[in-house]
């Protein structure tokens, strides 16, 4: 690839719930764009108003960013309100269409936090809708915008092992977690309490999900670098 690759970054919705009553907004943490730019790509925010197939034709790869609470499965019960604000159904449906469009166009995808969770659900996996309740003695994984640090153990031979080694210190902010890993995917990183921290497909698809927020810690060059390298390899 002779030009700078373009990475589409998904955004969150707000229908007057967080920012300003009565006004709809699109928003995303600036750290995502900075991490994509630092990895050598052009960050482009992609809203759910865009046609997913058109976005996949324009962008060379995607980051599906963090978001709200998800159900246990895509036809399952909703997360309890005590866990946090549920993600809008519009965003969930659009992100699923984007995953399909990216797959059809062979675009690499990095899923971060909610992004990994929706990737797992879309492929047939399930979630623990309330991590603290489902995993007695679980670490503090943060959540609702609060970041905490903890270690993760990476599986040898995984896509990040060569860059990060067997262990890495990561920034975490989630109150849900992968329960059953989707068919065709494998857990390739875990927290000391057993929580799934990364998934990737068993085949050659350029997909990677991480539960932590690499744009907020020292793993950013490895994780976002993987995305840009994957794009360049497919050019």
C-alpha atoms as a PDB file:
ATOM      1  CA  UNK A   1       0.000   0.000   0.000  1.00  0.00           C
ATOM      2  CA  UNK A   2       1.545   3.294  -1.125  1.00  0.00           C
ATOM      3  CA  UNK A   3      -1.001   5.612   0.496  1.00  0.00           C
ATOM      4  CA  UNK A   4      -1.693   6.005   4.190  1.00  0.00           C
ATOM      5  CA  UNK A   5      -4.382   3.449   5.134  1.00  0.00           C
ATOM      6  CA  UNK A   6      -7.731   4.710   6.408  1.00  0.00           C
ATOM      7  CA  UNK A   7      -9.160   3.191   9.589  1.00  0.00           C
ATOM      8  CA  UNK A   8     -12.844   3.696  10.348  1.00  0.00           C
ATOM      9  CA  UNK A   9     -13.614   4.273  14.024  1.00  0.00           C
ATOM     10  CA  UNK A  10     -17.152   3.580  15.199  1.00  0.00           C
ATOM     11  CA  UNK A  11     -18.913   6.043  17.499  1.00  0.00           C
ATOM     12  CA  UNK A  12     -21.429   5.953  20.337  1.00  0.00           C
ATOM     13  CA  UNK A  13     -24.930   7.414  20.258  1.00  0.00           C
ATOM     14  CA  UNK A  14     -26.530   9.770  22.733  1.00  0.00           C
ATOM     15  CA  UNK A  15     -30.218  10.571  22.352  1.00  0.00           C
ATOM     16  CA  UNK A  16     -30.355  13.281  24.940  1.00  0.00           C
ATOM     17  CA  UNK A  17     -29.378  10.958  27.772  1.00  0.00           C
ATOM     18  CA  UNK A  18     -25.848  12.145  28.574  1.00  0.00           C
ATOM     19  CA  UNK A  19     -24.780  15.305  26.808  1.00  0.00           C
ATOM     20  CA  UNK A  20     -27.759  17.622  26.306  1.00  0.00           C
ATOM     21  CA  UNK A  21     -31.454  16.766  26.812  1.00  0.00           C
ATOM     22  CA  UNK A  22     -33.442  16.696  23.604  1.00  0.00           C
ATOM     23  CA  UNK A  23     -30.423  16.663  21.270  1.00  0.00           C
ATOM     24  CA  UNK A  24     -28.842  13.651  19.581  1.00  0.00           C
ATOM     25  CA  UNK A  25     -25.047  13.381  19.533  1.00  0.00           C
ATOM     26  CA  UNK A  26     -22.377  11.083  18.208  1.00  0.00           C
ATOM     27  CA  UNK A  27     -19.242  10.773  20.346  1.00  0.00           C
ATOM     28  CA  UNK A  28     -16.102   8.744  20.913  1.00  0.00           C
ATOM     29  CA  UNK A  29     -12.976   9.089  23.046  1.00  0.00           C
ATOM     30  CA  UNK A  30     -10.216  10.979  21.261  1.00  0.00           C
ATOM     31  CA  UNK A  31      -7.653   8.384  22.386  1.00  0.00           C
ATOM     32  CA  UNK A  32      -8.878   5.982  19.677  1.00  0.00           C
ATOM     33  CA  UNK A  33      -8.060   8.428  16.888  1.00  0.00           C
ATOM     34  CA  UNK A  34      -4.706   9.251  18.431  1.00  0.00           C
ATOM     35  CA  UNK A  35      -3.784   5.552  18.682  1.00  0.00           C
ATOM     36  CA  UNK A  36      -4.756   4.926  15.051  1.00  0.00           C
ATOM     37  CA  UNK A  37      -2.745   7.954  13.885  1.00  0.00           C
ATOM     38  CA  UNK A  38       0.268   6.906  15.966  1.00  0.00           C
ATOM     39  CA  UNK A  39       0.143   3.474  14.308  1.00  0.00           C
ATOM     40  CA  UNK A  40       0.482   5.125  10.908  1.00  0.00           C
ATOM     41  CA  UNK A  41      -3.102   5.272   9.644  1.00  0.00           C
ATOM     42  CA  UNK A  42      -5.653   7.997   8.974  1.00  0.00           C
ATOM     43  CA  UNK A  43      -8.474   7.880  11.548  1.00  0.00           C
ATOM     44  CA  UNK A  44     -11.977   8.427  10.162  1.00  0.00           C
ATOM     45  CA  UNK A  45     -15.037   8.512  12.435  1.00  0.00           C
ATOM     46  CA  UNK A  46     -17.860   6.411  10.987  1.00  0.00           C
ATOM     47  CA  UNK A  47     -21.392   7.042  12.328  1.00  0.00           C
ATOM     48  CA  UNK A  48     -24.353   4.633  12.170  1.00  0.00           C
ATOM     49  CA  UNK A  49     -25.879   6.930   9.536  1.00  0.00           C
ATOM     50  CA  UNK A  50     -23.339   5.564   7.037  1.00  0.00           C
ATOM     51  CA  UNK A  51     -24.137   2.528   4.911  1.00  0.00           C
ATOM     52  CA  UNK A  52     -21.878  -0.260   6.233  1.00  0.00           C
ATOM     53  CA  UNK A  53     -21.036  -1.584   2.775  1.00  0.00           C
ATOM     54  CA  UNK A  54     -20.085   1.908   1.603  1.00  0.00           C
ATOM     55  CA  UNK A  55     -17.955   2.368   4.739  1.00  0.00           C
ATOM     56  CA  UNK A  56     -16.199  -0.940   4.066  1.00  0.00           C
ATOM     57  CA  UNK A  57     -15.520   0.171   0.489  1.00  0.00           C
ATOM     58  CA  UNK A  58     -14.002   3.457   1.690  1.00  0.00           C
ATOM     59  CA  UNK A  59     -12.071   2.311   4.799  1.00  0.00           C
ATOM     60  CA  UNK A  60      -9.197  -0.170   4.851  1.00  0.00           C
ATOM     61  CA  UNK A  61      -9.963  -1.446   8.342  1.00  0.00           C
ATOM     62  CA  UNK A  62     -12.059  -0.668  11.408  1.00  0.00           C
ATOM     63  CA  UNK A  63     -11.959  -0.172  15.164  1.00  0.00           C
ATOM     64  CA  UNK A  64     -15.231  -1.051  16.883  1.00  0.00           C
ATOM     65  CA  UNK A  65     -14.970   1.037  20.021  1.00  0.00           C
ATOM     66  CA  UNK A  66     -16.285   0.777  23.565  1.00  0.00           C
ATOM     67  CA  UNK A  67     -19.955   1.272  24.353  1.00  0.00           C
ATOM     68  CA  UNK A  68     -22.847   0.502  26.642  1.00  0.00           C
ATOM     69  CA  UNK A  69     -24.173  -2.679  28.199  1.00  0.00           C
ATOM     70  CA  UNK A  70     -25.127  -5.648  26.025  1.00  0.00           C
ATOM     71  CA  UNK A  71     -27.520  -8.597  26.562  1.00  0.00           C
ATOM     72  CA  UNK A  72     -26.284 -12.076  27.437  1.00  0.00           C
ATOM     73  CA  UNK A  73     -26.855 -13.082  23.803  1.00  0.00           C
ATOM     74  CA  UNK A  74     -28.375 -11.284  20.844  1.00  0.00           C
ATOM     75  CA  UNK A  75     -31.703 -13.021  21.481  1.00  0.00           C
ATOM     76  CA  UNK A  76     -31.281 -13.128  25.263  1.00  0.00           C
ATOM     77  CA  UNK A  77     -32.185 -11.154  28.362  1.00  0.00           C
ATOM     78  CA  UNK A  78     -31.054  -7.566  28.821  1.00  0.00           C
ATOM     79  CA  UNK A  79     -28.392  -6.647  31.341  1.00  0.00           C
ATOM     80  CA  UNK A  80     -29.776  -5.406  34.659  1.00  0.00           C
ATOM     81  CA  UNK A  81     -30.010  -1.640  34.941  1.00  0.00           C
ATOM     82  CA  UNK A  82     -27.674  -1.740  37.942  1.00  0.00           C
ATOM     83  CA  UNK A  83     -24.777  -2.754  35.649  1.00  0.00           C
ATOM     84  CA  UNK A  84     -24.967   0.390  33.524  1.00  0.00           C
ATOM     85  CA  UNK A  85     -26.770   2.083  30.668  1.00  0.00           C
ATOM     86  CA  UNK A  86     -27.798  -0.359  27.906  1.00  0.00           C
ATOM     87  CA  UNK A  87     -26.424   0.222  24.439  1.00  0.00           C
ATOM     88  CA  UNK A  88     -28.929   1.578  21.922  1.00  0.00           C
ATOM     89  CA  UNK A  89     -30.460  -1.132  19.723  1.00  0.00           C
ATOM     90  CA  UNK A  90     -29.677   1.017  16.681  1.00  0.00           C
ATOM     91  CA  UNK A  91     -25.963   0.892  17.359  1.00  0.00           C
ATOM     92  CA  UNK A  92     -25.969  -2.850  18.070  1.00  0.00           C
ATOM     93  CA  UNK A  93     -27.763  -3.578  14.793  1.00  0.00           C
ATOM     94  CA  UNK A  94     -25.489  -1.253  12.799  1.00  0.00           C
ATOM     95  CA  UNK A  95     -22.297  -2.664  14.317  1.00  0.00           C
ATOM     96  CA  UNK A  96     -23.434  -6.157  13.327  1.00  0.00           C
ATOM     97  CA  UNK A  97     -24.040  -5.005   9.763  1.00  0.00           C
ATOM     98  CA  UNK A  98     -20.599  -3.397   9.754  1.00  0.00           C
ATOM     99  CA  UNK A  99     -18.965  -6.635  10.909  1.00  0.00           C
ATOM    100  CA  UNK A 100     -20.658  -8.446   8.032  1.00  0.00           C
ATOM    101  CA  UNK A 101     -19.659  -5.757   5.524  1.00  0.00           C
ATOM    102  CA  UNK A 102     -16.060  -5.762   6.754  1.00  0.00           C
ATOM    103  CA  UNK A 103     -15.910  -9.549   6.438  1.00  0.00           C
ATOM    104  CA  UNK A 104     -17.306  -9.430   2.905  1.00  0.00           C
ATOM    105  CA  UNK A 105     -14.720  -6.810   1.922  1.00  0.00           C
ATOM    106  CA  UNK A 106     -11.899  -8.596   3.810  1.00  0.00           C
ATOM    107  CA  UNK A 107     -11.249  -5.577   6.025  1.00  0.00           C
ATOM    108  CA  UNK A 108      -9.326  -6.129   9.278  1.00  0.00           C
ATOM    109  CA  UNK A 109     -11.288  -5.314  12.430  1.00  0.00           C
ATOM    110  CA  UNK A 110     -10.128  -4.543  15.953  1.00  0.00           C
ATOM    111  CA  UNK A 111     -12.820  -4.750  18.620  1.00  0.00           C
ATOM    112  CA  UNK A 112     -12.143  -2.888  21.880  1.00  0.00           C
ATOM    113  CA  UNK A 113     -14.143  -3.668  25.056  1.00  0.00           C
ATOM    114  CA  UNK A 114     -17.772  -3.466  23.810  1.00  0.00           C
ATOM    115  CA  UNK A 115     -16.248  -3.996  20.359  1.00  0.00           C
ATOM    116  CA  UNK A 116     -14.882  -7.395  21.393  1.00  0.00           C
ATOM    117  CA  UNK A 117     -18.143  -8.272  23.121  1.00  0.00           C
ATOM    118  CA  UNK A 118     -20.327  -7.498  20.085  1.00  0.00           C
ATOM    119  CA  UNK A 119     -17.844  -9.385  17.875  1.00  0.00           C
ATOM    120  CA  UNK A 120     -18.232 -12.423  20.137  1.00  0.00           C
ATOM    121  CA  UNK A 121     -22.027 -12.153  20.316  1.00  0.00           C
ATOM    122  CA  UNK A 122     -22.350 -11.686  16.554  1.00  0.00           C
ATOM    123  CA  UNK A 123     -20.348 -14.871  15.965  1.00  0.00           C
ATOM    124  CA  UNK A 124     -22.556 -16.892  18.342  1.00  0.00           C
ATOM    125  CA  UNK A 125     -20.906 -16.467  21.742  1.00  0.00           C
ATOM    126  CA  UNK A 126     -22.428 -15.224  24.988  1.00  0.00           C
ATOM    127  CA  UNK A 127     -21.665 -12.688  27.710  1.00  0.00           C
ATOM    128  CA  UNK A 128     -21.642 -12.483  31.457  1.00  0.00           C
ATOM    129  CA  UNK A 129     -24.004  -9.533  31.738  1.00  0.00           C
ATOM    130  CA  UNK A 130     -22.813  -8.676  35.258  1.00  0.00           C
ATOM    131  CA  UNK A 131     -19.180  -9.701  35.740  1.00  0.00           C
ATOM    132  CA  UNK A 132     -19.042  -9.015  39.484  1.00  0.00           C
ATOM    133  CA  UNK A 133     -22.156 -11.113  40.148  1.00  0.00           C
ATOM    134  CA  UNK A 134     -21.123 -13.957  37.826  1.00  0.00           C
ATOM    135  CA  UNK A 135     -17.529 -14.223  39.038  1.00  0.00           C
ATOM    136  CA  UNK A 136     -17.181 -14.135  42.841  1.00  0.00           C
ATOM    137  CA  UNK A 137     -13.736 -12.864  43.746  1.00  0.00           C
ATOM    138  CA  UNK A 138     -13.256 -11.218  40.362  1.00  0.00           C
ATOM    139  CA  UNK A 139     -10.710  -8.441  40.039  1.00  0.00           C
ATOM    140  CA  UNK A 140     -11.827  -4.854  39.847  1.00  0.00           C
ATOM    141  CA  UNK A 141     -12.139  -4.359  36.087  1.00  0.00           C
ATOM    142  CA  UNK A 142     -13.356  -0.767  36.311  1.00  0.00           C
ATOM    143  CA  UNK A 143     -16.358   0.255  34.250  1.00  0.00           C
ATOM    144  CA  UNK A 144     -18.628   3.198  33.486  1.00  0.00           C
ATOM    145  CA  UNK A 145     -15.628   5.228  32.347  1.00  0.00           C
ATOM    146  CA  UNK A 146     -13.406   4.301  35.296  1.00  0.00           C
ATOM    147  CA  UNK A 147     -10.071   2.790  34.243  1.00  0.00           C
ATOM    148  CA  UNK A 148      -8.081   0.381  36.418  1.00  0.00           C
ATOM    149  CA  UNK A 149      -4.867  -1.513  35.671  1.00  0.00           C
ATOM    150  CA  UNK A 150      -4.290  -5.247  35.892  1.00  0.00           C
ATOM    151  CA  UNK A 151      -2.145  -7.904  34.230  1.00  0.00           C
ATOM    152  CA  UNK A 152      -3.168 -10.192  31.410  1.00  0.00           C
ATOM    153  CA  UNK A 153      -1.544 -13.466  30.362  1.00  0.00           C
ATOM    154  CA  UNK A 154      -1.185 -13.914  26.605  1.00  0.00           C
ATOM    155  CA  UNK A 155      -1.276 -17.286  24.893  1.00  0.00           C
ATOM    156  CA  UNK A 156       1.912 -18.236  23.093  1.00  0.00           C
ATOM    157  CA  UNK A 157       1.378 -18.137  19.334  1.00  0.00           C
ATOM    158  CA  UNK A 158      -1.372 -15.518  19.556  1.00  0.00           C
ATOM    159  CA  UNK A 159      -1.321 -12.378  17.447  1.00  0.00           C
ATOM    160  CA  UNK A 160      -0.063 -10.186  20.278  1.00  0.00           C
ATOM    161  CA  UNK A 161       2.341 -12.584  21.981  1.00  0.00           C
ATOM    162  CA  UNK A 162       5.311 -11.691  19.746  1.00  0.00           C
ATOM    163  CA  UNK A 163       4.919  -7.976  20.562  1.00  0.00           C
ATOM    164  CA  UNK A 164       3.857  -8.142  24.223  1.00  0.00           C
ATOM    165  CA  UNK A 165       5.311 -11.390  25.500  1.00  0.00           C
ATOM    166  CA  UNK A 166       3.625 -13.677  28.005  1.00  0.00           C
ATOM    167  CA  UNK A 167       2.266 -10.867  30.210  1.00  0.00           C
ATOM    168  CA  UNK A 168       1.188  -7.270  29.831  1.00  0.00           C
ATOM    169  CA  UNK A 169      -0.178  -4.533  32.074  1.00  0.00           C
ATOM    170  CA  UNK A 170      -3.423  -3.157  30.670  1.00  0.00           C
ATOM    171  CA  UNK A 171      -6.032  -0.460  31.297  1.00  0.00           C
ATOM    172  CA  UNK A 172      -9.447  -1.978  31.936  1.00  0.00           C
ATOM    173  CA  UNK A 173     -12.950  -0.494  32.109  1.00  0.00           C
ATOM    174  CA  UNK A 174     -15.772  -3.022  31.795  1.00  0.00           C
ATOM    175  CA  UNK A 175     -18.564  -4.509  33.864  1.00  0.00           C
ATOM    176  CA  UNK A 176     -19.378  -7.303  31.435  1.00  0.00           C
ATOM    177  CA  UNK A 177     -17.198 -10.045  29.969  1.00  0.00           C
ATOM    178  CA  UNK A 178     -17.209 -12.864  27.447  1.00  0.00           C
ATOM    179  CA  UNK A 179     -18.755 -16.030  28.880  1.00  0.00           C
ATOM    180  CA  UNK A 180     -18.841 -18.594  26.065  1.00  0.00           C
ATOM    181  CA  UNK A 181     -16.325 -17.797  23.332  1.00  0.00           C
ATOM    182  CA  UNK A 182     -17.969 -17.894  19.905  1.00  0.00           C
ATOM    183  CA  UNK A 183     -17.500 -20.952  17.680  1.00  0.00           C
ATOM    184  CA  UNK A 184     -14.461 -20.486  15.464  1.00  0.00           C
ATOM    185  CA  UNK A 185     -12.788 -18.145  17.965  1.00  0.00           C
ATOM    186  CA  UNK A 186     -10.344 -18.811  20.798  1.00  0.00           C
ATOM    187  CA  UNK A 187      -9.426 -17.010  23.999  1.00  0.00           C
ATOM    188  CA  UNK A 188      -5.863 -15.735  23.566  1.00  0.00           C
ATOM    189  CA  UNK A 189      -5.470 -13.624  26.711  1.00  0.00           C
ATOM    190  CA  UNK A 190      -6.945 -13.799  30.193  1.00  0.00           C
ATOM    191  CA  UNK A 191      -6.878 -11.897  33.471  1.00  0.00           C
ATOM    192  CA  UNK A 192      -5.673 -13.518  36.719  1.00  0.00           C
ATOM    193  CA  UNK A 193      -9.316 -14.154  37.678  1.00  0.00           C
ATOM    194  CA  UNK A 194      -9.922 -16.078  34.446  1.00  0.00           C
ATOM    195  CA  UNK A 195     -11.831 -13.330  32.629  1.00  0.00           C
ATOM    196  CA  UNK A 196     -11.415 -13.549  28.846  1.00  0.00           C
ATOM    197  CA  UNK A 197      -9.296 -10.581  27.765  1.00  0.00           C
ATOM    198  CA  UNK A 198      -8.693 -11.275  24.063  1.00  0.00           C
ATOM    199  CA  UNK A 199     -10.244 -13.386  21.327  1.00  0.00           C
ATOM    200  CA  UNK A 200      -9.205 -14.135  17.780  1.00  0.00           C
ATOM    201  CA  UNK A 201     -10.472 -16.474  15.069  1.00  0.00           C
ATOM    202  CA  UNK A 202      -8.939 -19.873  14.516  1.00  0.00           C
ATOM    203  CA  UNK A 203      -8.759 -19.190  10.772  1.00  0.00           C
ATOM    204  CA  UNK A 204      -6.920 -16.516   8.852  1.00  0.00           C
ATOM    205  CA  UNK A 205      -9.486 -13.737   9.235  1.00  0.00           C
ATOM    206  CA  UNK A 206      -7.944 -10.452  10.341  1.00  0.00           C
ATOM    207  CA  UNK A 207     -10.055 -10.049  13.464  1.00  0.00           C
ATOM    208  CA  UNK A 208      -8.898  -9.300  16.987  1.00  0.00           C
ATOM    209  CA  UNK A 209     -10.899  -8.462  20.083  1.00  0.00           C
ATOM    210  CA  UNK A 210      -9.403  -7.099  23.296  1.00  0.00           C
ATOM    211  CA  UNK A 211     -11.391  -6.456  26.465  1.00  0.00           C
ATOM    212  CA  UNK A 212      -9.003  -3.797  27.705  1.00  0.00           C
ATOM    213  CA  UNK A 213      -8.413  -0.284  26.317  1.00  0.00           C
ATOM    214  CA  UNK A 214      -5.034  -0.340  24.551  1.00  0.00           C
ATOM    215  CA  UNK A 215      -5.440   3.280  23.444  1.00  0.00           C
ATOM    216  CA  UNK A 216      -5.099   4.135  27.148  1.00  0.00           C
ATOM    217  CA  UNK A 217      -2.045   2.037  28.016  1.00  0.00           C
ATOM    218  CA  UNK A 218       1.369   0.897  26.797  1.00  0.00           C
ATOM    219  CA  UNK A 219      -0.063  -1.912  24.638  1.00  0.00           C
ATOM    220  CA  UNK A 220      -1.310   0.591  22.019  1.00  0.00           C
ATOM    221  CA  UNK A 221       1.649   0.185  19.607  1.00  0.00           C
ATOM    222  CA  UNK A 222       1.229  -3.604  19.598  1.00  0.00           C
ATOM    223  CA  UNK A 223      -2.568  -3.686  19.294  1.00  0.00           C
ATOM    224  CA  UNK A 224      -3.140  -0.809  16.872  1.00  0.00           C
ATOM    225  CA  UNK A 225       0.072  -1.745  15.092  1.00  0.00           C
ATOM    226  CA  UNK A 226      -1.432  -5.201  14.459  1.00  0.00           C
ATOM    227  CA  UNK A 227      -4.434  -3.553  12.794  1.00  0.00           C
ATOM    228  CA  UNK A 228      -2.347  -1.370  10.470  1.00  0.00           C
ATOM    229  CA  UNK A 229       0.012  -4.233   9.594  1.00  0.00           C
ATOM    230  CA  UNK A 230      -2.969  -6.430   8.780  1.00  0.00           C
ATOM    231  CA  UNK A 231      -4.295  -3.754   6.431  1.00  0.00           C
ATOM    232  CA  UNK A 232      -0.936  -3.408   4.698  1.00  0.00           C
ATOM    233  CA  UNK A 233      -0.601  -7.185   4.288  1.00  0.00           C
ATOM    234  CA  UNK A 234      -3.955  -7.303   2.498  1.00  0.00           C
ATOM    235  CA  UNK A 235      -3.281  -4.332   0.197  1.00  0.00           C
END
